[in-house]
Amino acid sequence: MAIIKCENCGGNVSDKAKACPHCGAVINQEATFSVQNNPQQVGPSTGGVSSRPKKKSPAPRIILTVFGSLLLLYLAIITFGYVKYKVISANPVHWGKILAAERGDKWEQYRLGWDYFDGTSSDILVYVPQNYTEAVKWFQKAADQGEVYAQYRLGLCYHNGYGVAQDYEEAVRLYRLAAEQGDDEAQTILGSCYYKGQGVAQDYEEAVRLSREAAEKGNLTAITNLGWFYQNGHGVPQDYEEAVRLYREAAEKGSLGALTSLGYCYQEGHGVPQDYKEAVRLYREAAEYGDPIGLNNLGYCYEKGYGVPQDYKEAVKWYRKAAEADNITGRPEYHLGTCYEYGHGVTQDIDEAVKWYSEAADCGDKDAKDALERLGY
């Protein structure tokens, strides 16, 4: 038996049937045809009407094409950004910053320079490697247009040799441009340059004037520096009580430098009654924040027994932490040298002492240089 199609309704009918069971039409046996060997058209009944193959929707193919095109565009942008700007950015906002900087927007030039200087970006989906050379390039573009923050940051680059050859005079020139626009950070560091004689003739009075201007704007470093000037009588009459007042003001607002300086005043009895325990408390507070001077001074109190029981091992612990905290003064390294030379808190070891004295001497510590000379190095 074979299956045939009804000419009237198209339903499936046995070739032995006389009439179509679906529509009742008489079956013309001579006009029938078999679909038994055509598996693409054999299937369940659809109520007497043969099913037709459905056309595939073009939507998935279009979606894939669009997605592929966007992916290629994304990769092209990423590659372009890395090759031209040394950044990996998939953030349209960040690209807007770059394009604005290219068009000469001085604020965006400064912001882009800061991204490179700091090695971070406030924009998401952006990776900016630290690159001082690129930072200098963008800071320079913005500084040339009078952007005050760029002038200050570019000054820092010249001051420290970040991305350019170290040049104190150029740093001072840039700090002055920013200071004249009222930037308190620039006023503070320009005051430090006058105090140290870096890039300009040493002038304590000018250092005080600039620091006072910045201090009046609430700059904590400037307030602390003013305290130092009063403590030592540099550019102003020596006044321990005024120094303590300034240190306390800055310390209460969060300055770690002021905290350790105030601790030193209590240690030495400058402007306040001598109080080793209060000095230790202040040093410890600064040390808890990782302040290298606080760490060093706390170690010194343990070594000498000031405000705490004398404990050489505890002293060594704090000196070592101070040395690891990027202390540029060389004092913790010097103190570690003395501990190793005399066996205080550690096994006596002259070679180790020489190593620490050498590191301190490289930082310019005079006591360390004298110790090396005394030991024949």
Protein backbone atom coordinates (compact mmCIF):
# COMPACT_ATOMS: atom_id res chain seq x y z
CA MET A 1 0.00 0.00 0.00
CA ALA A 2 1.19 3.47 -0.82
CA ILE A 3 0.23 6.90 0.43
CA ILE A 4 -1.11 9.36 -2.14
CA LYS A 5 -2.35 12.94 -2.07
CA CYS A 6 -5.98 13.95 -2.57
CA GLU A 7 -6.18 16.31 -5.55
CA ASN A 8 -9.02 18.20 -3.90
CA CYS A 9 -7.74 18.87 -0.37
CA GLY A 10 -4.15 17.59 -0.45
CA GLY A 11 -4.71 15.19 2.44
CA ASN A 12 -2.88 11.87 2.76
CA VAL A 13 -5.00 8.97 1.34
CA SER A 14 -4.38 5.26 0.88
CA ASP A 15 -4.08 4.24 -2.79
CA LYS A 16 -6.75 1.60 -2.12
CA ALA A 17 -9.36 4.16 -1.02
CA LYS A 18 -12.22 5.07 -3.34
CA ALA A 19 -12.89 8.42 -1.71
CA CYS A 20 -10.92 10.91 0.38
CA PRO A 21 -11.74 10.43 4.07
CA HIS A 22 -11.04 14.15 4.66
CA CYS A 23 -13.18 15.84 2.02
CA GLY A 24 -15.17 12.93 0.44
CA ALA A 25 -13.82 13.62 -3.03
CA VAL A 26 -13.56 10.64 -5.40
CA ILE A 27 -9.99 9.46 -5.81
CA ASN A 28 -8.67 9.44 -9.36
CA GLN A 29 -6.34 6.45 -9.20
CA GLU A 30 -4.55 7.39 -12.42
CA ALA A 31 -3.68 10.88 -11.22
CA THR A 32 -2.37 9.79 -7.81
CA PHE A 33 1.29 9.91 -6.92
CA SER A 34 3.28 8.35 -4.12
CA VAL A 35 5.25 10.34 -1.59
CA GLN A 36 6.43 7.28 0.29
CA ASN A 37 10.00 7.77 -0.86
CA ASN A 38 10.06 11.50 -0.15
CA PRO A 39 10.88 11.64 3.59
CA GLN A 40 11.08 15.43 3.64
CA GLN A 41 7.31 15.58 3.09
CA VAL A 42 6.23 12.71 5.33
CA GLY A 43 5.08 13.74 8.79
CA PRO A 44 2.19 13.85 11.17
CA SER A 45 -1.16 14.96 9.85
CA THR A 46 -2.01 18.62 10.18
CA GLY A 47 -5.75 18.23 9.88
CA GLY A 48 -5.73 17.33 6.19
CA VAL A 49 -3.31 20.08 5.03
CA SER A 50 0.33 19.26 4.34
CA SER A 51 2.89 21.27 6.38
CA ARG A 52 5.31 23.55 4.57
CA PRO A 53 8.95 24.01 5.63
CA LYS A 54 9.39 27.20 7.72
CA LYS A 55 11.76 29.90 6.54
CA LYS A 56 14.64 30.61 8.98
CA SER A 57 14.62 34.10 10.55
CA PRO A 58 17.62 36.27 9.52
CA ALA A 59 17.70 37.88 13.01
CA PRO A 60 20.34 35.55 14.59
CA ARG A 61 22.67 36.03 11.63
CA ILE A 62 22.24 39.82 11.81
CA ILE A 63 22.88 39.81 15.57
CA LEU A 64 26.05 37.76 15.12
CA THR A 65 27.23 40.05 12.35
CA VAL A 66 26.65 43.17 14.43
CA PHE A 67 28.28 41.60 17.48
CA GLY A 68 31.30 40.56 15.43
CA SER A 69 31.63 44.04 13.94
CA LEU A 70 31.44 45.67 17.38
CA LEU A 71 34.02 43.24 18.72
CA LEU A 72 36.40 44.10 15.89
CA LEU A 73 35.82 47.81 16.49
CA TYR A 74 36.45 47.33 20.22
CA LEU A 75 39.72 45.49 19.54
CA ALA A 76 40.75 48.17 17.06
CA ILE A 77 40.12 50.92 19.63
CA ILE A 78 42.01 49.01 22.33
CA THR A 79 44.96 48.47 19.98
CA PHE A 80 44.98 52.10 18.85
CA GLY A 81 44.85 53.33 22.43
CA TYR A 82 47.74 51.12 23.51
CA VAL A 83 49.92 51.99 20.51
CA LYS A 84 49.31 55.76 20.55
CA TYR A 85 48.59 56.54 24.20
CA LYS A 86 50.02 53.53 26.09
CA VAL A 87 46.62 52.94 27.73
CA ILE A 88 44.05 50.17 27.62
CA SER A 89 40.65 51.84 27.57
CA ALA A 90 37.17 50.59 26.79
CA ASN A 91 35.47 53.58 28.39
CA PRO A 92 33.88 56.17 26.09
CA VAL A 93 34.19 58.79 28.85
CA HIS A 94 37.94 58.22 29.03
CA TRP A 95 38.23 58.50 25.27
CA GLY A 96 36.31 61.74 25.53
CA LYS A 97 38.99 62.97 27.96
CA ILE A 98 41.75 62.00 25.52
CA LEU A 99 40.07 63.64 22.55
CA ALA A 100 39.38 66.81 24.54
CA ALA A 101 43.03 66.90 25.62
CA GLU A 102 44.12 66.50 21.99
CA ARG A 103 41.87 69.42 21.03
CA GLY A 104 43.65 71.60 23.60
CA ASP A 105 41.38 71.47 26.64
CA LYS A 106 43.86 72.41 29.40
CA TRP A 107 41.85 70.81 32.22
CA GLU A 108 41.60 67.48 30.40
CA GLN A 109 45.29 67.72 29.54
CA TYR A 110 46.03 68.08 33.23
CA ARG A 111 43.72 65.18 34.14
CA LEU A 112 45.31 62.95 31.53
CA GLY A 113 48.76 63.90 32.80
CA TRP A 114 47.67 63.05 36.34
CA ASP A 115 46.48 59.60 35.18
CA TYR A 116 49.97 58.91 33.84
CA PHE A 117 51.67 60.47 36.88
CA ASP A 118 49.69 58.42 39.38
CA GLY A 119 49.37 55.26 37.28
CA THR A 120 45.61 55.12 37.86
CA SER A 121 42.42 56.49 36.39
CA SER A 122 39.16 57.51 38.00
CA ASP A 123 37.36 56.10 34.94
CA ILE A 124 36.25 52.46 34.98
CA LEU A 125 37.38 49.92 32.36
CA VAL A 126 40.64 51.83 31.96
CA TYR A 127 44.21 50.74 32.62
CA VAL A 128 46.81 53.51 32.66
CA PRO A 129 50.37 52.44 33.47
CA GLN A 130 52.49 54.91 35.42
CA ASN A 131 54.48 56.84 32.85
CA TYR A 132 56.23 60.00 34.03
CA THR A 133 57.37 60.93 30.52
CA GLU A 134 53.78 60.97 29.27
CA ALA A 135 52.72 62.82 32.42
CA VAL A 136 55.29 65.54 31.77
CA LYS A 137 54.12 65.88 28.17
CA TRP A 138 50.50 66.54 29.15
CA PHE A 139 51.35 68.64 32.21
CA GLN A 140 53.51 70.81 29.97
CA LYS A 141 50.69 71.32 27.46
CA ALA A 142 48.31 72.35 30.24
CA ALA A 143 50.89 74.46 32.10
CA ASP A 144 51.66 76.41 28.92
CA GLN A 145 48.00 77.45 28.94
CA GLY A 146 48.18 78.60 32.56
CA GLU A 147 46.54 75.60 34.24
CA VAL A 148 47.60 76.08 37.87
CA TYR A 149 47.48 72.43 38.95
CA ALA A 150 49.54 71.40 35.93
CA GLN A 151 52.15 74.05 36.76
CA TYR A 152 52.44 72.68 40.29
CA ARG A 153 52.61 69.01 39.18
CA LEU A 154 55.10 69.79 36.45
CA GLY A 155 57.18 71.56 39.09
CA LEU A 156 57.13 68.35 41.15
CA CYS A 157 58.39 66.42 38.13
CA TYR A 158 61.35 68.78 37.70
CA HIS A 159 61.95 68.87 41.46
CA ASN A 160 62.22 65.09 41.76
CA GLY A 161 63.44 64.15 38.28
CA TYR A 162 60.20 62.38 37.29
CA GLY A 163 60.20 61.97 33.51
CA VAL A 164 62.72 64.82 33.08
CA ALA A 165 66.21 65.66 34.28
CA GLN A 166 66.10 67.05 37.82
CA ASP A 167 66.12 70.83 37.67
CA TYR A 168 65.45 72.80 40.88
CA GLU A 169 65.46 76.16 39.11
CA GLU A 170 62.78 75.08 36.63
CA ALA A 171 60.79 73.57 39.49
CA VAL A 172 60.93 76.90 41.37
CA ARG A 173 59.85 78.79 38.23
CA LEU A 174 56.80 76.55 37.87
CA TYR A 175 55.96 76.62 41.58
CA ARG A 176 56.10 80.41 41.45
CA LEU A 177 53.64 80.52 38.54
CA ALA A 178 51.17 78.38 40.47
CA ALA A 179 51.80 80.20 43.77
CA GLU A 180 51.06 83.54 42.13
CA GLN A 181 47.65 82.12 41.19
CA GLY A 182 47.05 81.36 44.87
CA ASP A 183 47.68 77.60 44.92
CA ASP A 184 48.46 76.69 48.53
CA GLU A 185 50.37 73.50 47.63
CA ALA A 186 52.67 75.51 45.37
CA GLN A 187 53.10 78.21 48.01
CA THR A 188 54.04 75.57 50.59
CA ILE A 189 56.62 73.79 48.49
CA LEU A 190 58.04 77.06 47.15
CA GLY A 191 58.49 78.09 50.78
CA SER A 192 60.38 74.84 51.37
CA CYS A 193 62.63 75.61 48.40
CA TYR A 194 63.47 79.01 49.92
CA TYR A 195 64.08 77.34 53.29
CA LYS A 196 66.47 74.74 51.83
CA GLY A 197 67.97 76.94 49.12
CA GLN A 198 66.88 74.58 46.33
CA GLY A 199 66.78 76.34 42.97
CA VAL A 200 66.82 79.72 44.70
CA ALA A 201 68.94 81.58 47.24
CA GLN A 202 68.18 80.47 50.79
CA ASP A 203 65.80 82.95 52.42
CA TYR A 204 64.11 82.01 55.71
CA GLU A 205 61.92 85.10 55.76
CA GLU A 206 60.52 84.38 52.29
CA ALA A 207 59.96 80.78 53.37
CA VAL A 208 57.95 82.03 56.35
CA ARG A 209 55.93 84.46 54.21
CA LEU A 210 54.94 81.79 51.68
CA SER A 211 54.19 79.21 54.38
CA ARG A 212 52.03 81.69 56.24
CA GLU A 213 50.00 82.42 53.08
CA ALA A 214 49.38 78.71 52.57
CA ALA A 215 48.68 78.14 56.29
CA GLU A 216 45.96 80.79 56.21
CA LYS A 217 44.24 78.63 53.57
CA GLY A 218 44.36 75.64 55.90
CA ASN A 219 47.30 73.79 54.33
CA LEU A 220 48.44 71.37 57.07
CA THR A 221 52.00 71.02 55.76
CA ALA A 222 52.38 74.80 55.76
CA ILE A 223 51.06 75.03 59.33
CA THR A 224 53.53 72.33 60.41
CA ASN A 225 56.38 74.09 58.60
CA LEU A 226 55.54 77.35 60.39
CA GLY A 227 55.74 75.46 63.66
CA TRP A 228 59.20 74.26 62.66
CA PHE A 229 60.31 77.81 61.86
CA TYR A 230 59.14 79.03 65.28
CA GLN A 231 60.69 76.06 67.06
CA ASN A 232 64.08 76.73 65.49
CA GLY A 233 63.92 80.52 65.14
CA HIS A 234 64.28 80.43 61.36
CA GLY A 235 62.90 83.61 59.79
CA VAL A 236 61.01 84.45 62.99
CA PRO A 237 62.01 84.88 66.65
CA GLN A 238 62.26 81.48 68.33
CA ASP A 239 58.99 80.74 70.14
CA TYR A 240 58.43 77.21 71.44
CA GLU A 241 54.91 77.93 72.64
CA GLU A 242 53.85 79.22 69.21
CA ALA A 243 55.48 76.16 67.66
CA VAL A 244 53.48 73.86 69.96
CA ARG A 245 50.27 75.75 69.14
CA LEU A 246 50.83 75.32 65.43
CA TYR A 247 51.83 71.66 65.73
CA ARG A 248 48.76 70.94 67.85
CA GLU A 249 46.46 72.69 65.35
CA ALA A 250 47.81 70.67 62.44
CA ALA A 251 47.95 67.41 64.42
CA GLU A 252 44.30 67.70 65.43
CA LYS A 253 43.42 68.05 61.75
CA GLY A 254 45.34 64.92 60.76
CA SER A 255 48.94 65.94 60.02
CA LEU A 256 51.32 63.09 60.91
CA GLY A 257 54.31 65.42 60.62
CA ALA A 258 52.77 67.73 63.20
CA LEU A 259 51.99 64.74 65.42
CA THR A 260 55.63 63.64 65.56
CA SER A 261 56.88 67.21 65.95
CA LEU A 262 54.51 67.74 68.86
CA GLY A 263 55.79 64.50 70.34
CA TYR A 264 59.34 65.81 70.06
CA CYS A 265 58.35 68.98 71.92
CA TYR A 266 57.01 66.82 74.78
CA GLN A 267 60.16 64.70 74.66
CA GLU A 268 62.46 67.71 74.95
CA GLY A 269 60.18 70.01 76.98
CA HIS A 270 59.95 72.66 74.26
CA GLY A 271 56.95 74.92 74.93
CA VAL A 272 55.37 72.30 77.21
CA PRO A 273 56.48 70.50 80.38
CA GLN A 274 58.68 67.52 79.48
CA ASP A 275 56.51 64.41 79.33
CA TYR A 276 58.02 61.22 77.89
CA LYS A 277 54.78 59.26 78.15
CA GLU A 278 52.91 61.87 76.14
CA ALA A 279 55.74 61.86 73.60
CA VAL A 280 55.48 58.05 73.32
CA ARG A 281 51.69 58.29 72.91
CA LEU A 282 52.04 60.76 70.06
CA TYR A 283 54.84 58.79 68.39
CA ARG A 284 52.82 55.59 68.65
CA GLU A 285 49.76 57.25 67.12
CA ALA A 286 51.85 58.38 64.15
CA ALA A 287 53.54 54.97 63.92
CA GLU A 288 50.18 53.23 63.70
CA TYR A 289 49.65 55.09 60.42
CA GLY A 290 53.07 53.98 59.16
CA ASP A 291 54.74 57.36 59.58
CA PRO A 292 58.51 56.69 59.31
CA ILE A 293 59.48 59.44 61.79
CA GLY A 294 56.92 58.20 64.29
CA LEU A 295 58.26 54.66 63.89
CA ASN A 296 61.86 55.81 64.32
CA ASN A 297 61.16 58.00 67.34
CA LEU A 298 59.17 55.27 69.04
CA GLY A 299 62.15 52.96 68.58
CA TYR A 300 64.40 55.62 70.08
CA CYS A 301 62.17 55.84 73.18
CA TYR A 302 62.43 52.06 73.65
CA GLU A 303 66.20 52.20 73.19
CA LYS A 304 66.61 54.98 75.78
CA GLY A 305 63.76 53.99 78.08
CA TYR A 306 61.90 57.26 77.58
CA GLY A 307 58.28 56.83 78.72
CA VAL A 308 58.53 53.03 78.36
CA PRO A 309 60.72 50.34 79.94
CA GLN A 310 64.05 50.14 78.10
CA ASP A 311 63.83 47.31 75.55
CA TYR A 312 66.53 46.98 72.89
CA LYS A 313 64.70 44.26 70.97
CA GLU A 314 61.58 46.40 70.79
CA ALA A 315 63.75 49.32 69.66
CA VAL A 316 65.24 47.25 66.84
CA LYS A 317 61.74 46.18 65.76
CA TRP A 318 60.57 49.78 65.37
CA TYR A 319 63.82 50.95 63.75
CA ARG A 320 63.50 48.19 61.19
CA LYS A 321 59.90 49.16 60.44
CA ALA A 322 60.98 52.76 60.01
CA ALA A 323 63.76 51.76 57.61
CA GLU A 324 61.24 49.74 55.57
CA ALA A 325 58.84 52.70 55.49
CA ASP A 326 60.92 54.64 52.97
CA ASN A 327 62.47 57.01 55.49
CA ILE A 328 64.67 59.38 53.47
CA THR A 329 66.50 60.83 56.46
CA GLY A 330 68.69 57.80 57.14
CA ARG A 331 68.09 58.00 60.91
CA PRO A 332 66.51 54.55 61.39
CA GLU A 333 69.34 53.01 59.36
CA TYR A 334 71.84 54.82 61.55
CA HIS A 335 70.15 53.59 64.73
CA LEU A 336 70.12 50.02 63.39
CA GLY A 337 73.83 50.41 62.71
CA THR A 338 74.48 51.34 66.35
CA CYS A 339 72.39 48.39 67.54
CA TYR A 340 74.46 45.96 65.47
CA GLU A 341 77.74 47.64 66.40
CA TYR A 342 77.09 47.37 70.14
CA GLY A 343 74.86 44.28 70.19
CA HIS A 344 71.76 46.07 71.44
CA GLY A 345 68.74 43.83 70.80
CA VAL A 346 70.65 41.84 68.18
CA THR A 347 73.80 39.75 67.99
CA GLN A 348 76.79 42.05 67.63
CA ASP A 349 77.81 42.14 63.98
CA ILE A 350 80.20 44.81 62.69
CA ASP A 351 79.64 43.90 59.03
CA GLU A 352 75.89 44.34 59.48
CA ALA A 353 76.50 47.61 61.32
CA VAL A 354 78.62 48.86 58.42
CA LYS A 355 75.86 47.93 55.99
CA TRP A 356 73.29 50.00 57.86
CA TYR A 357 75.68 52.90 58.43
CA SER A 358 76.40 52.92 54.69
CA GLU A 359 72.70 53.09 53.84
CA ALA A 360 72.25 55.96 56.30
CA ALA A 361 75.30 57.77 54.92
CA ASP A 362 73.87 57.48 51.41
CA CYS A 363 70.87 59.44 52.72
CA GLY A 364 73.24 62.13 53.98
CA ASP A 365 73.23 61.22 57.68
CA LYS A 366 76.33 62.86 59.22
CA ASP A 367 76.44 60.57 62.28
CA ALA A 368 76.52 57.55 59.99
CA LYS A 369 79.39 59.01 57.99
CA ASP A 370 81.32 59.65 61.24
CA ALA A 371 80.65 56.07 62.37
CA LEU A 372 81.99 54.64 59.11
CA GLU A 373 85.10 56.79 59.43
CA ARG A 374 85.56 55.66 63.04
CA LEU A 375 85.31 52.01 61.92
CA GLY A 376 87.82 52.59 59.12
CA TYR A 377 85.43 52.59 56.18
